Protein backbone atom coordinates (compact mmCIF):
# COMPACT_ATOMS: atom_id res chain seq x y z
CA MET A 1 130.67 120.92 140.92
CA ARG A 2 133.47 119.73 143.16
CA ILE A 3 131.78 118.17 146.15
CA ASP A 4 133.18 115.05 147.81
CA PRO A 5 130.10 112.92 148.51
CA ILE A 6 131.83 110.84 151.16
CA GLU A 7 132.67 113.99 153.10
CA PHE A 8 129.06 115.19 153.31
CA LEU A 9 127.67 111.68 153.92
CA VAL A 10 130.10 111.10 156.82
CA ALA A 11 129.11 114.50 158.25
CA TYR A 12 125.41 113.69 157.90
CA LEU A 13 125.55 110.21 159.45
CA SER A 14 127.90 111.39 162.21
CA SER A 15 125.36 114.04 163.19
CA ARG A 16 122.58 111.48 163.78
CA THR A 17 122.22 110.94 167.53
CA ASP A 18 121.08 107.32 167.21
CA ILE A 19 124.25 106.30 165.35
CA PRO A 20 127.02 105.66 167.90
CA GLU A 21 129.48 108.55 168.08
CA GLY A 22 132.77 108.00 166.28
CA THR A 23 131.62 104.96 164.31
CA VAL A 24 131.18 106.58 160.88
CA LEU A 25 134.40 106.56 158.84
CA GLY A 26 135.20 107.79 155.34
CA ASP A 27 137.87 105.12 155.04
CA LEU A 28 139.19 102.16 156.98
CA ASN A 29 142.48 103.84 157.97
CA ASN A 30 141.05 104.73 161.39
CA HIS A 31 139.26 101.40 161.88
CA VAL A 32 140.51 99.36 164.81
CA THR A 33 139.76 95.65 164.44
CA GLY A 34 137.05 94.73 166.91
CA SER A 35 135.56 98.24 167.13
CA THR A 36 132.12 98.90 165.73
CA SER A 37 132.39 101.03 162.57
CA VAL A 38 130.45 102.21 159.55
CA TYR A 39 132.64 102.55 156.48
CA LEU A 40 131.52 104.52 153.40
CA GLU A 41 133.10 103.99 149.98
CA HIS A 42 132.44 105.91 146.76
CA MET A 43 131.76 103.22 144.15
CA GLY A 44 131.07 105.40 141.11
CA GLY A 45 128.23 107.43 139.65
CA PHE A 46 127.83 110.02 136.92
CA ARG A 47 126.85 113.60 136.08
CA VAL A 48 123.07 113.62 135.64
CA VAL A 49 122.61 117.25 134.54
CA ARG A 50 125.62 119.28 133.36
CA ASP A 51 126.78 121.72 136.08
CA ARG A 52 123.60 121.00 138.05
CA MET A 53 123.25 117.50 139.49
CA ASP A 54 125.47 114.52 140.25
CA ARG A 55 124.73 110.94 141.17
CA CYS A 56 127.19 109.05 143.34
CA ASP A 57 126.96 105.37 144.18
CA VAL A 58 128.08 104.68 147.73
CA GLU A 59 128.60 101.41 149.54
CA TYR A 60 128.14 101.41 153.30
CA ALA A 61 129.46 98.63 155.50
CA ALA A 62 128.77 98.10 159.20
CA TYR A 63 131.53 96.25 161.07
CA SER A 64 131.16 94.64 164.50
CA MET A 65 132.36 91.61 166.42
CA ASP A 66 128.68 91.01 167.25
CA ARG A 67 126.61 89.90 164.26
CA LYS A 68 123.32 91.39 165.52
CA GLU A 69 124.98 94.73 166.22
CA ALA A 70 126.40 94.77 162.67
CA VAL A 71 123.06 94.05 160.97
CA ASP A 72 121.17 96.47 163.23
CA LEU A 73 123.66 99.25 162.47
CA ALA A 74 123.54 98.55 158.71
CA LEU A 75 119.74 98.71 158.75
CA LEU A 76 119.85 101.96 160.74
CA VAL A 77 122.27 103.52 158.24
CA ARG A 78 120.03 102.31 155.39
CA GLU A 79 117.02 103.95 157.07
CA LYS A 80 118.85 107.25 157.60
CA LEU A 81 120.04 107.37 153.99
CA LEU A 82 116.80 106.34 152.31
CA GLU A 83 114.20 107.92 154.58
CA GLU A 84 115.80 110.97 156.17
CA LEU A 85 118.61 112.22 153.93
CA PRO A 86 116.54 113.33 150.87
CA ASP A 87 115.78 117.08 150.87
CA THR A 88 118.63 117.73 153.33
CA ALA A 89 121.43 120.29 152.91
CA VAL A 90 124.74 119.16 154.37
CA GLY A 91 128.39 120.02 153.68
CA GLY A 92 127.68 122.29 150.72
CA ALA A 93 125.36 119.79 149.03
CA LEU A 94 121.61 119.55 148.75
CA VAL A 95 120.58 115.90 148.58
CA LEU A 96 117.68 115.64 146.18
CA ASP A 97 117.01 111.92 146.43
CA VAL A 98 118.50 108.59 147.51
CA GLU A 99 117.71 105.27 145.84
CA GLU A 100 118.66 101.81 146.99
CA ILE A 101 120.94 99.78 144.72
CA ASP A 102 121.52 96.86 147.08
CA SER A 103 120.07 96.21 150.54
CA PRO A 104 122.40 95.12 153.37
CA LYS A 105 123.88 91.67 152.87
CA TYR A 106 126.20 89.61 155.04
CA ASP A 107 129.83 89.84 153.92
CA PRO A 108 132.18 88.92 156.81
CA ASP A 109 135.73 90.29 156.72
CA ASP A 110 138.07 87.44 155.73
CA SER A 111 141.13 88.75 157.57
CA SER A 112 139.69 90.13 160.83
CA ARG A 113 136.69 87.77 161.01
CA GLU A 114 134.48 90.71 161.94
CA HIS A 115 130.81 90.56 161.00
CA VAL A 116 130.07 92.97 158.14
CA TYR A 117 126.77 93.92 156.55
CA SER A 118 127.02 96.10 153.46
CA GLY A 119 124.55 97.80 151.16
CA GLN A 120 124.70 100.35 148.38
CA VAL A 121 122.75 103.52 147.54
CA ALA A 122 122.67 106.10 144.76
CA VAL A 123 122.70 109.67 146.07
CA PHE A 124 121.48 112.48 143.79
CA TYR A 125 122.74 115.90 144.84
CA THR A 126 123.52 119.43 143.76
CA ALA A 127 125.50 122.32 145.24
CA VAL A 128 123.76 124.75 147.60
């Protein structure tokens, strides 16, 4: 299986109408300091079943100059990943399950001084 989990997770979250358009990024290259953003980073994982199922660990981070907006967005992303993503086909992958590794915690950006809330999930998926 050669599926980039960040690619299908960005596509999924970007398609949710209650997540502000253009905020979900696969990397911080397009992040403009002061703009509200959700950044996804592949943190690891492993092959669960040979040629059948992968697990990827993904950190999500919500950036905003407003602390409440950052925490609200992080909790919304958490809800979408844990409650709505399982049993969904997106970007060539079928997401079988999502488990929480770490709930959103406050981790402000030291250089930009933006408010950041980040959490981590394990996504179990297979190819469709």
